[in-house]
Amino acid sequence: MTTFGRTTLGTTGSGVRVSADGEPEAKPGGITLDWSTVTAVTSDTTYNDGIVVPSGQKALRYGQILCKITASGASQGMFGPYASGASDGRQTLTRGSCYILDETVLERNALGFASPPSDHPAVIEGGLLWRDRLLIGGAGQPSVANFETVFPRARYAQ
């Protein structure tokens, strides 16, 4: 075995998006995430897009529905993942207050350093989408009917 040549040390970016045509209806400026509403993984986890989330770190997978926190407090006006059992506003889909995460985002990079851009990810609210990449219709997720009511400009790719 030789030690010469190209060695892959890691990868950046994500090749998997919810947007099917690369031209989604995006929310200008994105949103501000409240990472305290996200649960850290308990073991190294690899998402379908190949992104590895190390044990103890937080991440949100592409297709996650993010809802505005309406309860008063330091997090008011920030966003967190939809949670049917929440009582801070994230349990209700409301048009104009909920968005779709187009790509996976990590709170910290793979080495554990804070990554400021992940506090303000780009989000989408419509366009041509891959239906099976959306986190809807499952346990603890918004229903498909509710999603389609709140996101009327979302179309599914065939």
Protein backbone atom coordinates (compact mmCIF):
# COMPACT_ATOMS: atom_id res chain seq x y z
CA MET A 1 0.00 0.00 0.00
CA THR A 2 1.36 3.38 -0.96
CA THR A 3 0.94 6.69 0.81
CA PHE A 4 1.17 8.73 -2.39
CA GLY A 5 -1.76 10.10 -4.33
CA ARG A 6 -5.05 11.64 -3.47
CA THR A 7 -6.58 11.02 -0.04
CA THR A 8 -10.11 12.15 0.77
CA LEU A 9 -10.13 13.75 4.20
CA GLY A 10 -13.79 14.70 4.18
CA THR A 11 -16.59 16.10 2.13
CA THR A 12 -18.46 19.38 2.19
CA GLY A 13 -21.92 20.33 1.15
CA SER A 14 -24.91 18.20 0.47
CA GLY A 15 -26.07 16.77 -2.81
CA VAL A 16 -29.58 15.95 -1.60
CA ARG A 17 -32.20 18.67 -1.61
CA VAL A 18 -35.97 18.77 -1.27
CA SER A 19 -36.22 21.08 -4.27
CA ALA A 20 -36.62 18.98 -7.42
CA ASP A 21 -35.66 21.62 -9.97
CA GLY A 22 -33.19 23.77 -8.02
CA GLU A 23 -35.51 26.76 -8.30
CA PRO A 24 -37.60 26.64 -5.12
CA GLU A 25 -39.66 29.50 -3.77
CA ALA A 26 -37.24 30.53 -1.04
CA LYS A 27 -37.83 32.81 1.93
CA PRO A 28 -35.49 35.78 1.48
CA GLY A 29 -33.02 35.99 4.36
CA GLY A 30 -33.81 32.54 5.71
CA ILE A 31 -34.83 32.07 9.34
CA THR A 32 -33.12 31.96 12.74
CA LEU A 33 -33.01 28.53 14.37
CA ASP A 34 -33.35 27.94 18.09
CA TRP A 35 -31.02 24.97 18.50
CA SER A 36 -32.34 24.34 22.05
CA THR A 37 -35.47 22.85 20.40
CA VAL A 38 -33.39 20.21 18.61
CA THR A 39 -32.42 16.96 20.34
CA ALA A 40 -28.81 15.81 20.04
CA VAL A 41 -28.19 12.36 18.57
CA THR A 42 -27.08 9.70 21.06
CA SER A 43 -24.82 7.83 18.63
CA ASP A 44 -23.10 8.62 15.35
CA THR A 45 -25.92 8.93 12.82
CA THR A 46 -25.66 8.95 9.02
CA TYR A 47 -28.51 10.63 7.16
CA ASN A 48 -29.69 9.50 3.73
CA ASP A 49 -27.69 12.32 2.12
CA GLY A 50 -24.43 10.91 3.54
CA ILE A 51 -23.98 13.55 6.23
CA VAL A 52 -22.68 12.06 9.47
CA VAL A 53 -23.85 13.62 12.72
CA PRO A 54 -21.41 12.73 15.50
CA SER A 55 -22.78 11.53 18.82
CA GLY A 56 -23.85 14.40 21.07
CA GLN A 57 -24.31 16.88 18.23
CA LYS A 58 -27.47 18.40 16.78
CA ALA A 59 -28.66 18.42 13.19
CA LEU A 60 -31.82 18.87 11.15
CA ARG A 61 -32.38 16.70 8.11
CA TYR A 62 -33.52 18.05 4.76
CA GLY A 63 -37.32 18.05 4.48
CA GLN A 64 -37.84 19.08 8.12
CA ILE A 65 -40.76 21.47 8.66
CA LEU A 66 -39.67 24.44 10.76
CA CYS A 67 -42.27 26.46 12.67
CA LYS A 68 -42.11 29.84 14.36
CA ILE A 69 -41.90 29.90 18.14
CA THR A 70 -44.75 32.13 19.33
CA ALA A 71 -44.49 31.63 23.10
CA SER A 72 -43.04 34.60 24.95
CA GLY A 73 -39.43 34.31 26.01
CA ALA A 74 -35.93 34.52 24.59
CA SER A 75 -36.78 32.21 21.67
CA GLN A 76 -39.89 34.05 20.55
CA GLY A 77 -39.72 34.73 16.82
CA MET A 78 -37.09 32.06 16.24
CA PHE A 79 -37.85 28.72 14.55
CA GLY A 80 -37.64 25.10 15.58
CA PRO A 81 -38.66 21.73 14.16
CA TYR A 82 -42.36 20.91 14.05
CA ALA A 83 -43.31 18.95 17.18
CA SER A 84 -46.88 17.76 17.68
CA GLY A 85 -46.41 17.72 21.47
CA ALA A 86 -44.85 21.19 21.77
CA SER A 87 -46.67 24.10 23.39
CA ASP A 88 -44.53 26.98 22.10
CA GLY A 89 -46.10 27.37 18.64
CA ARG A 90 -44.14 24.62 16.88
CA GLN A 91 -47.12 22.26 17.18
CA THR A 92 -49.23 24.25 14.71
CA LEU A 93 -48.67 24.71 11.01
CA THR A 94 -49.56 28.27 10.01
CA ARG A 95 -49.11 29.68 6.54
CA GLY A 96 -46.32 32.27 6.54
CA SER A 97 -44.91 31.00 9.86
CA CYS A 98 -43.65 27.61 8.69
CA TYR A 99 -40.97 26.72 6.17
CA ILE A 100 -39.22 23.67 4.73
CA LEU A 101 -35.53 22.98 5.23
CA ASP A 102 -34.11 22.32 1.75
CA GLU A 103 -30.76 20.83 2.84
CA THR A 104 -29.41 19.15 5.97
CA VAL A 105 -27.88 21.57 8.48
CA LEU A 106 -25.58 20.85 11.45
CA GLU A 107 -25.32 22.97 14.57
CA ARG A 108 -21.56 22.39 14.58
CA ASN A 109 -19.26 21.07 11.89
CA ALA A 110 -17.84 17.53 11.99
CA LEU A 111 -14.96 18.63 14.22
CA GLY A 112 -17.33 20.17 16.77
CA PHE A 113 -16.63 23.83 16.03
CA ALA A 114 -19.55 26.22 15.93
CA SER A 115 -20.66 26.97 12.42
CA PRO A 116 -22.47 30.34 12.49
CA PRO A 117 -24.20 30.01 9.08
CA SER A 118 -26.16 27.00 10.33
CA ASP A 119 -28.09 29.27 12.71
CA HIS A 120 -29.66 30.93 9.66
CA PRO A 121 -30.31 28.25 7.03
CA ALA A 122 -32.07 28.90 3.77
CA VAL A 123 -35.64 27.67 3.77
CA ILE A 124 -38.27 27.21 1.10
CA GLU A 125 -42.03 27.56 1.00
CA GLY A 126 -42.99 26.22 -2.39
CA GLY A 127 -41.91 25.10 -5.81
CA LEU A 128 -41.33 21.68 -7.34
CA LEU A 129 -40.47 19.31 -4.46
CA TRP A 130 -39.56 15.65 -4.02
CA ARG A 131 -42.51 14.36 -1.93
CA ASP A 132 -40.58 11.47 -0.36
CA ARG A 133 -37.93 13.85 1.00
CA LEU A 134 -40.42 15.80 3.09
CA LEU A 135 -40.84 14.84 6.74
CA ILE A 136 -44.63 14.71 6.66
CA GLY A 137 -47.31 12.08 7.22
CA GLY A 138 -45.38 10.03 9.79
CA ALA A 139 -45.54 9.71 13.56
CA GLY A 140 -44.95 13.10 15.20
CA GLN A 141 -44.94 14.82 11.80
CA PRO A 142 -47.53 17.10 10.23
CA SER A 143 -50.23 15.35 8.23
CA VAL A 144 -50.00 15.48 4.45
CA ALA A 145 -53.37 17.28 4.25
CA ASN A 146 -52.26 19.92 6.76
CA PHE A 147 -48.95 20.37 4.92
CA GLU A 148 -50.71 20.86 1.59
CA THR A 149 -53.09 23.42 3.12
CA VAL A 150 -50.26 25.49 4.60
CA PHE A 151 -47.95 25.16 1.57
CA PRO A 152 -50.35 25.66 -1.38
CA ARG A 153 -47.52 26.55 -3.79
CA ALA A 154 -45.73 23.24 -3.20
CA ARG A 155 -45.93 20.86 -6.17
CA TYR A 156 -44.65 17.30 -6.24
CA ALA A 157 -42.21 16.04 -8.85
CA GLN A 158 -43.29 12.89 -10.64
